[in-house]
C-alpha atoms as a PDB file:
ATOM      1  CA  MET A   1       0.000   0.000   0.000  1.00  0.00           C
ATOM      2  CA  PRO A   2       1.479   3.385  -0.984  1.00  0.00           C
ATOM      3  CA  ASP A   3       2.591   5.761   1.759  1.00  0.00           C
ATOM      4  CA  GLU A   4       0.073   8.610   1.720  1.00  0.00           C
ATOM      5  CA  ARG A   5       1.858  10.687   4.315  1.00  0.00           C
ATOM      6  CA  ILE A   6       3.231  14.097   3.307  1.00  0.00           C
ATOM      7  CA  ASP A   7       7.018  14.295   3.080  1.00  0.00           C
ATOM      8  CA  ILE A   8       7.965  16.925   5.661  1.00  0.00           C
ATOM      9  CA  LEU A   9      10.961  17.936   3.545  1.00  0.00           C
ATOM     10  CA  THR A  10       8.605  19.293   0.888  1.00  0.00           C
ATOM     11  CA  LEU A  11       7.230  21.978   3.225  1.00  0.00           C
ATOM     12  CA  ASP A  12       8.460  25.545   3.512  1.00  0.00           C
ATOM     13  CA  ARG A  13       8.322  27.401   6.812  1.00  0.00           C
ATOM     14  CA  ALA A  14       4.740  28.526   6.222  1.00  0.00           C
ATOM     15  CA  GLY A  15       3.788  24.912   5.606  1.00  0.00           C
ATOM     16  CA  LEU A  16       5.485  23.842   8.821  1.00  0.00           C
ATOM     17  CA  GLU A  17       3.660  26.597  10.698  1.00  0.00           C
ATOM     18  CA  GLY A  18       0.384  25.219   9.371  1.00  0.00           C
ATOM     19  CA  ALA A  19       1.383  21.686  10.375  1.00  0.00           C
ATOM     20  CA  MET A  20       2.243  22.688  13.933  1.00  0.00           C
ATOM     21  CA  GLY A  21      -0.904  24.776  14.195  1.00  0.00           C
ATOM     22  CA  ALA A  22      -3.047  21.830  13.112  1.00  0.00           C
ATOM     23  CA  LEU A  23      -1.471  19.798  15.917  1.00  0.00           C
ATOM     24  CA  GLY A  24      -2.208  22.536  18.462  1.00  0.00           C
ATOM     25  CA  GLN A  25       1.479  23.223  19.035  1.00  0.00           C
ATOM     26  CA  PRO A  26       2.949  26.570  20.162  1.00  0.00           C
ATOM     27  CA  ALA A  27       4.744  28.691  17.581  1.00  0.00           C
ATOM     28  CA  PHE A  28       8.234  27.983  18.965  1.00  0.00           C
ATOM     29  CA  ARG A  29       7.902  24.338  17.896  1.00  0.00           C
ATOM     30  CA  VAL A  30       8.259  25.460  14.270  1.00  0.00           C
ATOM     31  CA  SER A  31      11.734  26.879  14.916  1.00  0.00           C
ATOM     32  CA  GLN A  32      12.712  23.693  16.736  1.00  0.00           C
ATOM     33  CA  VAL A  33      11.685  21.536  13.777  1.00  0.00           C
ATOM     34  CA  VAL A  34      13.354  23.830  11.219  1.00  0.00           C
ATOM     35  CA  ARG A  35      16.619  23.810  13.186  1.00  0.00           C
ATOM     36  CA  ARG A  36      16.537  20.030  13.470  1.00  0.00           C
ATOM     37  CA  LEU A  37      15.911  19.624   9.738  1.00  0.00           C
ATOM     38  CA  TYR A  38      18.322  22.166   8.289  1.00  0.00           C
ATOM     39  CA  GLN A  39      20.977  22.851  10.931  1.00  0.00           C
ATOM     40  CA  ARG A  40      21.417  19.658  12.888  1.00  0.00           C
ATOM     41  CA  GLY A  41      20.717  17.304  10.018  1.00  0.00           C
ATOM     42  CA  ALA A  42      18.191  15.042  11.704  1.00  0.00           C
ATOM     43  CA  SER A  43      17.376  11.943   9.668  1.00  0.00           C
ATOM     44  CA  SER A  44      14.261  10.870  11.588  1.00  0.00           C
ATOM     45  CA  PHE A  45      11.630  12.327  13.895  1.00  0.00           C
ATOM     46  CA  GLU A  46      13.023  10.231  16.745  1.00  0.00           C
ATOM     47  CA  GLU A  47      16.271  12.209  16.542  1.00  0.00           C
ATOM     48  CA  MET A  48      14.363  15.423  17.342  1.00  0.00           C
ATOM     49  CA  THR A  49      14.793  14.859  21.059  1.00  0.00           C
ATOM     50  CA  ASP A  50      13.979  18.463  21.984  1.00  0.00           C
ATOM     51  CA  LEU A  51      10.370  17.715  20.913  1.00  0.00           C
ATOM     52  CA  PRO A  52       7.989  15.887  23.257  1.00  0.00           C
ATOM     53  CA  LYS A  53       7.795  12.160  22.536  1.00  0.00           C
ATOM     54  CA  GLY A  54       4.075  12.355  21.791  1.00  0.00           C
ATOM     55  CA  LEU A  55       4.659  15.041  19.187  1.00  0.00           C
ATOM     56  CA  ARG A  56       7.421  13.032  17.545  1.00  0.00           C
ATOM     57  CA  GLU A  57       5.125  10.046  17.307  1.00  0.00           C
ATOM     58  CA  GLU A  58       2.274  12.125  15.857  1.00  0.00           C
ATOM     59  CA  LEU A  59       4.618  13.668  13.287  1.00  0.00           C
ATOM     60  CA  GLY A  60       5.678  10.169  12.299  1.00  0.00           C
ATOM     61  CA  ARG A  61       2.052   9.157  11.769  1.00  0.00           C
ATOM     62  CA  ARG A  62       1.223  12.174   9.625  1.00  0.00           C
ATOM     63  CA  TYR A  63       4.478  12.854   7.795  1.00  0.00           C
ATOM     64  CA  SER A  64       7.176  10.848   6.089  1.00  0.00           C
ATOM     65  CA  PHE A  65      10.835  11.797   6.431  1.00  0.00           C
ATOM     66  CA  ALA A  66      13.071  10.618   3.614  1.00  0.00           C
ATOM     67  CA  LEU A  67      16.303  12.470   2.910  1.00  0.00           C
ATOM     68  CA  PRO A  68      17.371  12.236  -0.737  1.00  0.00           C
ATOM     69  CA  VAL A  69      20.006   9.599  -1.458  1.00  0.00           C
ATOM     70  CA  VAL A  70      23.329  10.632  -3.008  1.00  0.00           C
ATOM     71  CA  VAL A  71      23.585   8.361  -6.041  1.00  0.00           C
ATOM     72  CA  ALA A  72      26.820   9.747  -7.466  1.00  0.00           C
ATOM     73  CA  ARG A  73      29.454  12.259  -6.402  1.00  0.00           C
ATOM     74  CA  GLN A  74      32.207  13.594  -8.650  1.00  0.00           C
ATOM     75  CA  GLU A  75      35.043  15.950  -7.757  1.00  0.00           C
ATOM     76  CA  SER A  76      36.780  18.249 -10.204  1.00  0.00           C
ATOM     77  CA  SER A  77      40.465  19.054 -10.223  1.00  0.00           C
ATOM     78  CA  ASP A  78      39.508  22.572  -9.048  1.00  0.00           C
ATOM     79  CA  GLY A  79      37.628  21.321  -5.956  1.00  0.00           C
ATOM     80  CA  THR A  80      34.147  21.615  -7.456  1.00  0.00           C
ATOM     81  CA  ARG A  81      31.856  18.717  -6.567  1.00  0.00           C
ATOM     82  CA  LYS A  82      28.806  17.564  -8.504  1.00  0.00           C
ATOM     83  CA  TYR A  83      26.127  15.412  -6.890  1.00  0.00           C
ATOM     84  CA  LEU A  84      23.333  13.331  -8.317  1.00  0.00           C
ATOM     85  CA  VAL A  85      20.646  12.758  -5.688  1.00  0.00           C
ATOM     86  CA  ARG A  86      17.446  10.755  -5.836  1.00  0.00           C
ATOM     87  CA  PHE A  87      14.321  11.810  -3.961  1.00  0.00           C
ATOM     88  CA  ALA A  88      11.919   9.387  -2.300  1.00  0.00           C
ATOM     89  CA  ASP A  89       9.742   9.127  -5.435  1.00  0.00           C
ATOM     90  CA  GLY A  90      12.768   8.086  -7.504  1.00  0.00           C
ATOM     91  CA  VAL A  91      13.247  11.439  -9.246  1.00  0.00           C
ATOM     92  CA  PRO A  92      16.921  12.453  -9.584  1.00  0.00           C
ATOM     93  CA  VAL A  93      18.461  15.943  -9.759  1.00  0.00           C
ATOM     94  CA  GLU A  94      21.969  17.351  -9.792  1.00  0.00           C
ATOM     95  CA  MET A  95      23.546  20.150  -7.762  1.00  0.00           C
ATOM     96  CA  VAL A  96      27.066  21.545  -7.482  1.00  0.00           C
ATOM     97  CA  GLY A  97      29.331  22.753  -4.676  1.00  0.00           C
ATOM     98  CA  LEU A  98      31.855  25.464  -5.572  1.00  0.00           C
ATOM     99  CA  PRO A  99      34.463  26.288  -2.907  1.00  0.00           C
ATOM    100  CA  ALA A 100      36.578  29.443  -3.270  1.00  0.00           C
ATOM    101  CA  GLY A 101      38.703  30.570  -0.339  1.00  0.00           C
ATOM    102  CA  ASP A 102      36.457  31.132   2.644  1.00  0.00           C
ATOM    103  CA  ARG A 103      33.319  30.955   0.484  1.00  0.00           C
ATOM    104  CA  LEU A 104      31.242  27.935  -0.454  1.00  0.00           C
ATOM    105  CA  THR A 105      28.593  28.410  -3.128  1.00  0.00           C
ATOM    106  CA  VAL A 106      25.934  25.831  -3.925  1.00  0.00           C
ATOM    107  CA  CYS A 107      24.252  25.769  -7.318  1.00  0.00           C
ATOM    108  CA  PHE A 108      20.956  24.006  -6.626  1.00  0.00           C
ATOM    109  CA  SER A 109      18.059  22.841  -8.796  1.00  0.00           C
ATOM    110  CA  THR A 110      14.461  24.028  -8.668  1.00  0.00           C
ATOM    111  CA  GLN A 111      13.059  21.421 -11.060  1.00  0.00           C
ATOM    112  CA  ALA A 112      13.930  17.919 -12.184  1.00  0.00           C
ATOM    113  CA  GLY A 113      14.570  18.604 -15.838  1.00  0.00           C
ATOM    114  CA  CYS A 114      13.313  21.725 -17.595  1.00  0.00           C
ATOM    115  CA  ALA A 115      10.676  22.666 -20.151  1.00  0.00           C
ATOM    116  CA  MET A 116      12.407  25.797 -21.500  1.00  0.00           C
ATOM    117  CA  GLY A 117      14.352  23.942 -24.210  1.00  0.00           C
ATOM    118  CA  CYS A 118      17.347  26.288 -24.421  1.00  0.00           C
ATOM    119  CA  ALA A 119      19.468  25.155 -27.365  1.00  0.00           C
ATOM    120  CA  PHE A 120      22.813  25.075 -25.536  1.00  0.00           C
ATOM    121  CA  CYS A 121      21.674  23.518 -22.234  1.00  0.00           C
ATOM    122  CA  ALA A 122      21.827  19.825 -21.311  1.00  0.00           C
ATOM    123  CA  THR A 123      19.054  20.039 -18.709  1.00  0.00           C
ATOM    124  CA  GLY A 124      16.250  20.651 -21.174  1.00  0.00           C
ATOM    125  CA  GLN A 125      17.176  17.807 -23.520  1.00  0.00           C
ATOM    126  CA  GLY A 126      15.158  15.346 -21.444  1.00  0.00           C
ATOM    127  CA  GLY A 127      12.224  17.693 -20.833  1.00  0.00           C
ATOM    128  CA  LEU A 128      10.557  18.426 -17.517  1.00  0.00           C
ATOM    129  CA  VAL A 129       9.978  15.610 -15.008  1.00  0.00           C
ATOM    130  CA  ARG A 130       8.481  17.637 -12.137  1.00  0.00           C
ATOM    131  CA  GLY A 131       8.982  20.736 -10.073  1.00  0.00           C
ATOM    132  CA  LEU A 132      10.760  20.530  -6.743  1.00  0.00           C
ATOM    133  CA  ARG A 133       9.172  21.632  -3.492  1.00  0.00           C
ATOM    134  CA  SER A 134      10.659  24.216  -1.159  1.00  0.00           C
ATOM    135  CA  GLY A 135      12.271  21.799   1.269  1.00  0.00           C
ATOM    136  CA  GLU A 136      13.698  19.734  -1.596  1.00  0.00           C
ATOM    137  CA  MET A 137      15.587  22.831  -2.723  1.00  0.00           C
ATOM    138  CA  ALA A 138      16.917  23.641   0.736  1.00  0.00           C
ATOM    139  CA  VAL A 139      17.965  20.078   1.492  1.00  0.00           C
ATOM    140  CA  GLN A 140      20.251  20.086  -1.575  1.00  0.00           C
ATOM    141  CA  VAL A 141      22.197  22.933   0.012  1.00  0.00           C
ATOM    142  CA  LEU A 142      22.230  21.118   3.349  1.00  0.00           C
ATOM    143  CA  LEU A 143      23.703  17.983   1.764  1.00  0.00           C
ATOM    144  CA  VAL A 144      26.508  19.932   0.088  1.00  0.00           C
ATOM    145  CA  ALA A 145      27.319  21.771   3.318  1.00  0.00           C
ATOM    146  CA  SER A 146      27.502  18.447   5.128  1.00  0.00           C
ATOM    147  CA  ASP A 147      29.787  16.918   2.508  1.00  0.00           C
ATOM    148  CA  TYR A 148      32.224  19.823   2.637  1.00  0.00           C
ATOM    149  CA  ASP A 149      31.750  20.110   6.424  1.00  0.00           C
ATOM    150  CA  ARG A 150      31.515  23.876   5.944  1.00  0.00           C
ATOM    151  CA  ARG A 151      28.884  26.551   6.136  1.00  0.00           C
ATOM    152  CA  VAL A 152      27.415  27.549   2.779  1.00  0.00           C
ATOM    153  CA  THR A 153      27.916  31.282   2.211  1.00  0.00           C
ATOM    154  CA  ASN A 154      26.208  31.658  -1.178  1.00  0.00           C
ATOM    155  CA  ALA A 155      23.421  29.829  -2.983  1.00  0.00           C
ATOM    156  CA  VAL A 156      22.320  30.181  -6.593  1.00  0.00           C
ATOM    157  CA  ALA A 157      19.166  28.759  -8.168  1.00  0.00           C
ATOM    158  CA  MET A 158      21.034  28.090 -11.410  1.00  0.00           C
ATOM    159  CA  GLY A 159      20.888  24.303 -11.507  1.00  0.00           C
ATOM    160  CA  GLN A 160      18.216  22.339 -13.300  1.00  0.00           C
ATOM    161  CA  GLY A 161      14.924  24.008 -14.089  1.00  0.00           C
ATOM    162  CA  GLU A 162      13.234  27.395 -14.440  1.00  0.00           C
ATOM    163  CA  PRO A 163      12.682  28.783 -10.915  1.00  0.00           C
ATOM    164  CA  PHE A 164       9.733  31.009 -11.832  1.00  0.00           C
ATOM    165  CA  ALA A 165       7.831  28.146 -13.468  1.00  0.00           C
ATOM    166  CA  ASP A 166       6.739  27.374  -9.883  1.00  0.00           C
ATOM    167  CA  TYR A 167       7.201  30.719  -8.178  1.00  0.00           C
ATOM    168  CA  ASP A 168       5.692  29.885  -4.783  1.00  0.00           C
ATOM    169  CA  ALA A 169       7.825  26.777  -4.257  1.00  0.00           C
ATOM    170  CA  THR A 170      10.957  28.682  -5.276  1.00  0.00           C
ATOM    171  CA  ILE A 171      10.314  31.588  -2.923  1.00  0.00           C
ATOM    172  CA  GLY A 172       9.615  29.132  -0.117  1.00  0.00           C
ATOM    173  CA  GLY A 173      12.942  27.464  -0.847  1.00  0.00           C
ATOM    174  CA  LEU A 174      14.832  30.775  -0.927  1.00  0.00           C
ATOM    175  CA  ARG A 175      13.280  31.725   2.387  1.00  0.00           C
ATOM    176  CA  LEU A 176      14.406  28.464   3.975  1.00  0.00           C
ATOM    177  CA  LEU A 177      17.935  29.178   2.761  1.00  0.00           C
ATOM    178  CA  ASN A 178      17.717  32.650   4.294  1.00  0.00           C
ATOM    179  CA  ASP A 179      15.952  31.569   7.510  1.00  0.00           C
ATOM    180  CA  PRO A 180      18.302  31.910  10.536  1.00  0.00           C
ATOM    181  CA  ASP A 181      16.729  28.746  11.948  1.00  0.00           C
ATOM    182  CA  ALA A 182      17.589  26.879   8.728  1.00  0.00           C
ATOM    183  CA  LEU A 183      20.620  27.623   6.511  1.00  0.00           C
ATOM    184  CA  GLY A 184      21.009  31.284   7.528  1.00  0.00           C
ATOM    185  CA  ILE A 185      22.429  32.519   4.207  1.00  0.00           C
ATOM    186  CA  GLY A 186      22.187  36.274   3.723  1.00  0.00           C
ATOM    187  CA  ALA A 187      19.480  37.252   1.228  1.00  0.00           C
ATOM    188  CA  ARG A 188      21.918  39.226  -0.913  1.00  0.00           C
ATOM    189  CA  HIS A 189      24.024  36.067  -1.184  1.00  0.00           C
ATOM    190  CA  ILE A 190      21.088  34.102  -2.622  1.00  0.00           C
ATOM    191  CA  THR A 191      20.543  34.438  -6.383  1.00  0.00           C
ATOM    192  CA  VAL A 192      17.594  33.247  -8.429  1.00  0.00           C
ATOM    193  CA  SER A 193      18.147  32.883 -12.174  1.00  0.00           C
ATOM    194  CA  THR A 194      15.296  32.961 -14.681  1.00  0.00           C
ATOM    195  CA  CYS A 195      15.055  32.642 -18.453  1.00  0.00           C
ATOM    196  CA  GLY A 196      12.940  35.785 -18.267  1.00  0.00           C
ATOM    197  CA  LEU A 197       9.448  34.827 -17.107  1.00  0.00           C
ATOM    198  CA  LEU A 198       8.028  38.296 -16.616  1.00  0.00           C
ATOM    199  CA  PRO A 199       5.316  37.457 -14.042  1.00  0.00           C
ATOM    200  CA  GLY A 200       8.000  36.047 -11.740  1.00  0.00           C
ATOM    201  CA  ILE A 201      10.242  39.080 -12.188  1.00  0.00           C
ATOM    202  CA  ARG A 202       7.365  41.385 -11.309  1.00  0.00           C
ATOM    203  CA  ARG A 203       6.476  39.345  -8.211  1.00  0.00           C
ATOM    204  CA  LEU A 204      10.075  39.177  -7.014  1.00  0.00           C
ATOM    205  CA  ALA A 205      10.310  42.973  -7.176  1.00  0.00           C
ATOM    206  CA  ARG A 206       7.677  43.171  -4.447  1.00  0.00           C
ATOM    207  CA  GLU A 207       9.219  40.624  -2.078  1.00  0.00           C
ATOM    208  CA  PRO A 208      10.673  42.078   1.135  1.00  0.00           C
ATOM    209  CA  GLU A 209      13.895  40.042   0.997  1.00  0.00           C
ATOM    210  CA  GLN A 210      16.929  41.365  -0.856  1.00  0.00           C
ATOM    211  CA  PHE A 211      17.358  38.295  -3.060  1.00  0.00           C
ATOM    212  CA  THR A 212      19.500  38.824  -6.166  1.00  0.00           C
ATOM    213  CA  LEU A 213      17.926  38.441  -9.611  1.00  0.00           C
ATOM    214  CA  ALA A 214      19.811  37.054 -12.608  1.00  0.00           C
ATOM    215  CA  VAL A 215      18.219  36.851 -16.052  1.00  0.00           C
ATOM    216  CA  SER A 216      19.451  34.625 -18.861  1.00  0.00           C
ATOM    217  CA  LEU A 217      19.601  36.933 -21.881  1.00  0.00           C
ATOM    218  CA  HIS A 218      22.027  35.219 -24.304  1.00  0.00           C
ATOM    219  CA  SER A 219      21.084  37.548 -27.144  1.00  0.00           C
ATOM    220  CA  ALA A 220      19.677  41.037 -27.515  1.00  0.00           C
ATOM    221  CA  LEU A 221      18.494  40.270 -31.049  1.00  0.00           C
ATOM    222  CA  GLN A 222      14.984  38.833 -30.988  1.00  0.00           C
ATOM    223  CA  VAL A 223      15.499  36.327 -33.796  1.00  0.00           C
ATOM    224  CA  THR A 224      18.617  34.885 -32.154  1.00  0.00           C
ATOM    225  CA  ARG A 225      17.091  34.789 -28.690  1.00  0.00           C
ATOM    226  CA  ASP A 226      13.996  33.016 -30.025  1.00  0.00           C
ATOM    227  CA  ARG A 227      16.253  30.408 -31.604  1.00  0.00           C
ATOM    228  CA  LEU A 228      18.359  29.901 -28.500  1.00  0.00           C
ATOM    229  CA  MET A 229      15.546  30.166 -25.940  1.00  0.00           C
ATOM    230  CA  PRO A 230      12.261  28.965 -27.465  1.00  0.00           C
ATOM    231  CA  GLY A 231      10.604  28.693 -24.065  1.00  0.00           C
ATOM    232  CA  VAL A 232      10.400  32.484 -23.666  1.00  0.00           C
ATOM    233  CA  ARG A 233       9.336  33.507 -27.180  1.00  0.00           C
ATOM    234  CA  THR A 234       6.137  34.912 -25.711  1.00  0.00           C
ATOM    235  CA  TYR A 235       8.137  37.502 -23.764  1.00  0.00           C
ATOM    236  CA  PRO A 236       9.716  39.925 -26.290  1.00  0.00           C
ATOM    237  CA  LEU A 237      12.976  41.666 -25.459  1.00  0.00           C
ATOM    238  CA  ALA A 238      11.291  45.062 -25.246  1.00  0.00           C
ATOM    239  CA  SER A 239       8.899  43.704 -22.601  1.00  0.00           C
ATOM    240  CA  LEU A 240      11.775  42.083 -20.712  1.00  0.00           C
ATOM    241  CA  ARG A 241      13.732  45.344 -20.652  1.00  0.00           C
ATOM    242  CA  SER A 242      10.676  47.229 -19.412  1.00  0.00           C
ATOM    243  CA  ALA A 243      10.053  44.644 -16.685  1.00  0.00           C
ATOM    244  CA  LEU A 244      13.668  44.868 -15.530  1.00  0.00           C
ATOM    245  CA  SER A 245      13.485  48.652 -15.441  1.00  0.00           C
ATOM    246  CA  ASP A 246      10.360  48.400 -13.293  1.00  0.00           C
ATOM    247  CA  TYR A 247      12.071  45.760 -11.131  1.00  0.00           C
ATOM    248  CA  PHE A 248      14.938  48.127 -10.349  1.00  0.00           C
ATOM    249  CA  ALA A 249      12.608  51.072  -9.727  1.00  0.00           C
ATOM    250  CA  THR A 250      10.464  49.010  -7.333  1.00  0.00           C
ATOM    251  CA  SER A 251      13.127  47.032  -5.483  1.00  0.00           C
ATOM    252  CA  GLY A 252      16.247  49.159  -5.784  1.00  0.00           C
ATOM    253  CA  ARG A 253      18.127  45.961  -6.605  1.00  0.00           C
ATOM    254  CA  ARG A 254      20.314  45.714  -9.696  1.00  0.00           C
ATOM    255  CA  PRO A 255      19.658  42.710 -11.968  1.00  0.00           C
ATOM    256  CA  THR A 256      22.438  40.621 -13.505  1.00  0.00           C
ATOM    257  CA  LEU A 257      22.225  39.579 -17.140  1.00  0.00           C
ATOM    258  CA  GLU A 258      23.689  36.174 -17.964  1.00  0.00           C
ATOM    259  CA  TYR A 259      25.105  35.988 -21.497  1.00  0.00           C
ATOM    260  CA  ALA A 260      26.485  32.634 -22.677  1.00  0.00           C
ATOM    261  CA  LEU A 261      28.864  33.422 -25.539  1.00  0.00           C
ATOM    262  CA  ILE A 262      28.465  30.890 -28.341  1.00  0.00           C
ATOM    263  CA  GLY A 263      30.949  31.045 -31.190  1.00  0.00           C
ATOM    264  CA  GLY A 264      29.418  32.021 -34.520  1.00  0.00           C
ATOM    265  CA  ILE A 265      25.933  32.495 -33.066  1.00  0.00           C
ATOM    266  CA  ASN A 266      25.758  35.316 -30.524  1.00  0.00           C
ATOM    267  CA  ASP A 267      29.334  36.607 -30.556  1.00  0.00           C
ATOM    268  CA  THR A 268      29.128  38.599 -33.805  1.00  0.00           C
ATOM    269  CA  ASP A 269      29.542  42.355 -34.138  1.00  0.00           C
ATOM    270  CA  ASP A 270      25.793  42.761 -34.654  1.00  0.00           C
ATOM    271  CA  GLU A 271      25.102  40.789 -31.485  1.00  0.00           C
ATOM    272  CA  LEU A 272      27.585  42.888 -29.522  1.00  0.00           C
ATOM    273  CA  SER A 273      26.033  46.118 -30.793  1.00  0.00           C
ATOM    274  CA  ALA A 274      22.562  44.894 -29.823  1.00  0.00           C
ATOM    275  CA  LEU A 275      23.773  43.857 -26.347  1.00  0.00           C
ATOM    276  CA  VAL A 276      25.308  47.269 -25.723  1.00  0.00           C
ATOM    277  CA  GLY A 277      22.103  48.938 -26.906  1.00  0.00           C
ATOM    278  CA  PHE A 278      19.929  46.742 -24.661  1.00  0.00           C
ATOM    279  CA  CYS A 279      22.046  47.586 -21.624  1.00  0.00           C
ATOM    280  CA  ARG A 280      22.751  51.247 -22.230  1.00  0.00           C
ATOM    281  CA  GLY A 281      21.184  53.471 -19.586  1.00  0.00           C
ATOM    282  CA  MET A 282      20.133  50.489 -17.472  1.00  0.00           C
ATOM    283  CA  PRO A 283      21.591  49.404 -14.101  1.00  0.00           C
ATOM    284  CA  PHE A 284      22.725  45.976 -15.319  1.00  0.00           C
ATOM    285  CA  HIS A 285      25.736  43.883 -14.514  1.00  0.00           C
ATOM    286  CA  VAL A 286      26.522  41.595 -17.457  1.00  0.00           C
ATOM    287  CA  ASN A 287      28.025  38.209 -16.682  1.00  0.00           C
ATOM    288  CA  LEU A 288      29.703  36.834 -19.808  1.00  0.00           C
ATOM    289  CA  ILE A 289      29.820  33.029 -19.775  1.00  0.00           C
ATOM    290  CA  PRO A 290      31.971  31.224 -22.343  1.00  0.00           C
ATOM    291  CA  VAL A 291      29.638  28.411 -23.427  1.00  0.00           C
ATOM    292  CA  ASN A 292      30.458  24.963 -22.091  1.00  0.00           C
ATOM    293  CA  PRO A 293      30.473  21.860 -24.315  1.00  0.00           C
ATOM    294  CA  VAL A 294      27.206  19.937 -24.248  1.00  0.00           C
ATOM    295  CA  ALA A 295      26.669  16.677 -26.136  1.00  0.00           C
ATOM    296  CA  GLY A 296      23.959  16.921 -28.759  1.00  0.00           C
ATOM    297  CA  THR A 297      24.409  20.652 -29.414  1.00  0.00           C
ATOM    298  CA  ASP A 298      26.580  22.603 -31.841  1.00  0.00           C
ATOM    299  CA  SER A 299      27.730  25.079 -29.203  1.00  0.00           C
ATOM    300  CA  ALA A 300      31.279  26.295 -29.706  1.00  0.00           C
ATOM    301  CA  LYS A 301      33.268  28.361 -27.247  1.00  0.00           C
ATOM    302  CA  PRO A 302      34.588  31.672 -28.639  1.00  0.00           C
ATOM    303  CA  GLY A 303      38.264  32.452 -28.381  1.00  0.00           C
ATOM    304  CA  ALA A 304      39.622  34.328 -25.370  1.00  0.00           C
ATOM    305  CA  ARG A 305      40.270  37.403 -27.524  1.00  0.00           C
ATOM    306  CA  ARG A 306      36.618  37.634 -28.614  1.00  0.00           C
ATOM    307  CA  ILE A 307      35.396  37.210 -25.052  1.00  0.00           C
ATOM    308  CA  GLU A 308      37.628  40.065 -23.932  1.00  0.00           C
ATOM    309  CA  GLU A 309      36.394  42.225 -26.835  1.00  0.00           C
ATOM    310  CA  PHE A 310      32.830  41.808 -25.558  1.00  0.00           C
ATOM    311  CA  ARG A 311      33.849  42.717 -22.008  1.00  0.00           C
ATOM    312  CA  ARG A 312      35.831  45.746 -23.128  1.00  0.00           C
ATOM    313  CA  ALA A 313      33.067  47.038 -25.434  1.00  0.00           C
ATOM    314  CA  LEU A 314      30.564  46.864 -22.577  1.00  0.00           C
ATOM    315  CA  ALA A 315      32.981  48.585 -20.200  1.00  0.00           C
ATOM    316  CA  ASP A 316      33.691  51.323 -22.749  1.00  0.00           C
ATOM    317  CA  ALA A 317      29.929  51.944 -22.921  1.00  0.00           C
ATOM    318  CA  GLY A 318      29.789  52.334 -19.137  1.00  0.00           C
ATOM    319  CA  ILE A 319      28.220  48.906 -18.568  1.00  0.00           C
ATOM    320  CA  GLU A 320      29.684  46.781 -15.786  1.00  0.00           C
ATOM    321  CA  ALA A 321      30.678  43.364 -17.086  1.00  0.00           C
ATOM    322  CA  SER A 322      32.670  40.359 -15.945  1.00  0.00           C
ATOM    323  CA  VAL A 323      33.680  36.995 -17.375  1.00  0.00           C
ATOM    324  CA  ARG A 324      32.625  33.970 -15.361  1.00  0.00           C
ATOM    325  CA  VAL A 325      35.513  31.762 -14.327  1.00  0.00           C
ATOM    326  CA  GLU A 326      34.875  28.237 -15.557  1.00  0.00           C
ATOM    327  CA  ARG A 327      34.515  25.691 -12.756  1.00  0.00           C
ATOM    328  CA  GLY A 328      33.900  21.957 -12.898  1.00  0.00           C
ATOM    329  CA  ALA A 329      33.779  21.529 -16.684  1.00  0.00           C
ATOM    330  CA  ASP A 330      35.862  18.340 -16.425  1.00  0.00           C
ATOM    331  CA  ILE A 331      32.986  16.663 -14.534  1.00  0.00           C
ATOM    332  CA  ASP A 332      30.170  18.291 -16.566  1.00  0.00           C
ATOM    333  CA  ALA A 333      29.307  20.547 -13.625  1.00  0.00           C
ATOM    334  CA  ALA A 334      29.644  23.891 -15.381  1.00  0.00           C
ATOM    335  CA  CYS A 335      26.855  26.193 -16.533  1.00  0.00           C
ATOM    336  CA  GLY A 336      24.397  24.409 -18.840  1.00  0.00           C
ATOM    337  CA  GLN A 337      25.842  20.933 -18.271  1.00  0.00           C
ATOM    338  CA  LEU A 338      23.558  19.590 -15.512  1.00  0.00           C
ATOM    339  CA  LYS A 339      21.111  16.863 -16.407  1.00  0.00           C
ATOM    340  CA  GLN A 340      19.386  13.774 -15.040  1.00  0.00           C
ATOM    341  CA  ARG A 341      21.848  10.919 -15.141  1.00  0.00           C
ATOM    342  CA  HIS A 342      19.461   7.981 -15.226  1.00  0.00           C
ATOM    343  CA  ASP A 343      22.336   5.747 -16.328  1.00  0.00           C
ATOM    344  CA  VAL A 344      24.029   6.130 -12.935  1.00  0.00           C
ATOM    345  CA  GLU A 345      22.827   3.697 -10.306  1.00  0.00           C
ATOM    346  CA  ALA A 346      23.508   3.607  -6.591  1.00  0.00           C
END
């Protein structure tokens, strides 16, 4: 008979507040449960010994508790680690740990697979399996922190999936990462990356937390962007620029534009001119990303000279730009390379 209990790791803090309220528990019990789940790494309700025994038993009757299983772990020569984990329903996702000095960044997934179909990205090749729930996002970060035995300082929703395809679950996950009872990562050190779903951008502008917004642009010419990113054809570049202008005016937070440079496709002079025009007069930071090799695509990385020409042209136009340092490409953990690895078994 199937287990019909709710997995407690799918709940965000609001969901946990509702659960404790339904059990007639005082509000402080929520913080106790959150700390046990995301700080002390409990693996069962019985380990939550600061809760009354009767409450632990009732939680066990109503809720399941199944931490995802690490199916595969790879480590790059630069210290980057990529993990394939499987959730209780058998669905796998990948996430990445990126250490750098005293910082540890986790690139986590918000969906298993992706429906956006970006031409240069491995994740979308298998389509969308399902969205992840808030706790399933936070627990990815917890697992990486545990493996490195270090506190996570930065988290980026840049793994598998489109975060704003399920806005409420994503915001719940970001809030767990930020929650001092959970992961306690500063809001400005938490970044959510979208292909450009305008309703999500508009909603994020009104959130009280200072989360950082990154938008995958990849071309400022409509015909090229439609080819590279078919999932956002319904959101024209002019509408995206307007939404980002409104986002900055409402939130006071500067968006980042992600631009994956693909040789012979979006690294031409016309593309550069369009990118400068799109950014001129706007408070953007442009993150140039030399495209990473992905099987099944014709993506080619531009030469270092061309990458620098893009950066310099943006800087000369008064637009802040940087080139992302490649990490983990030798284990397919770099930008655009994450996918479900169904061929890997525990």
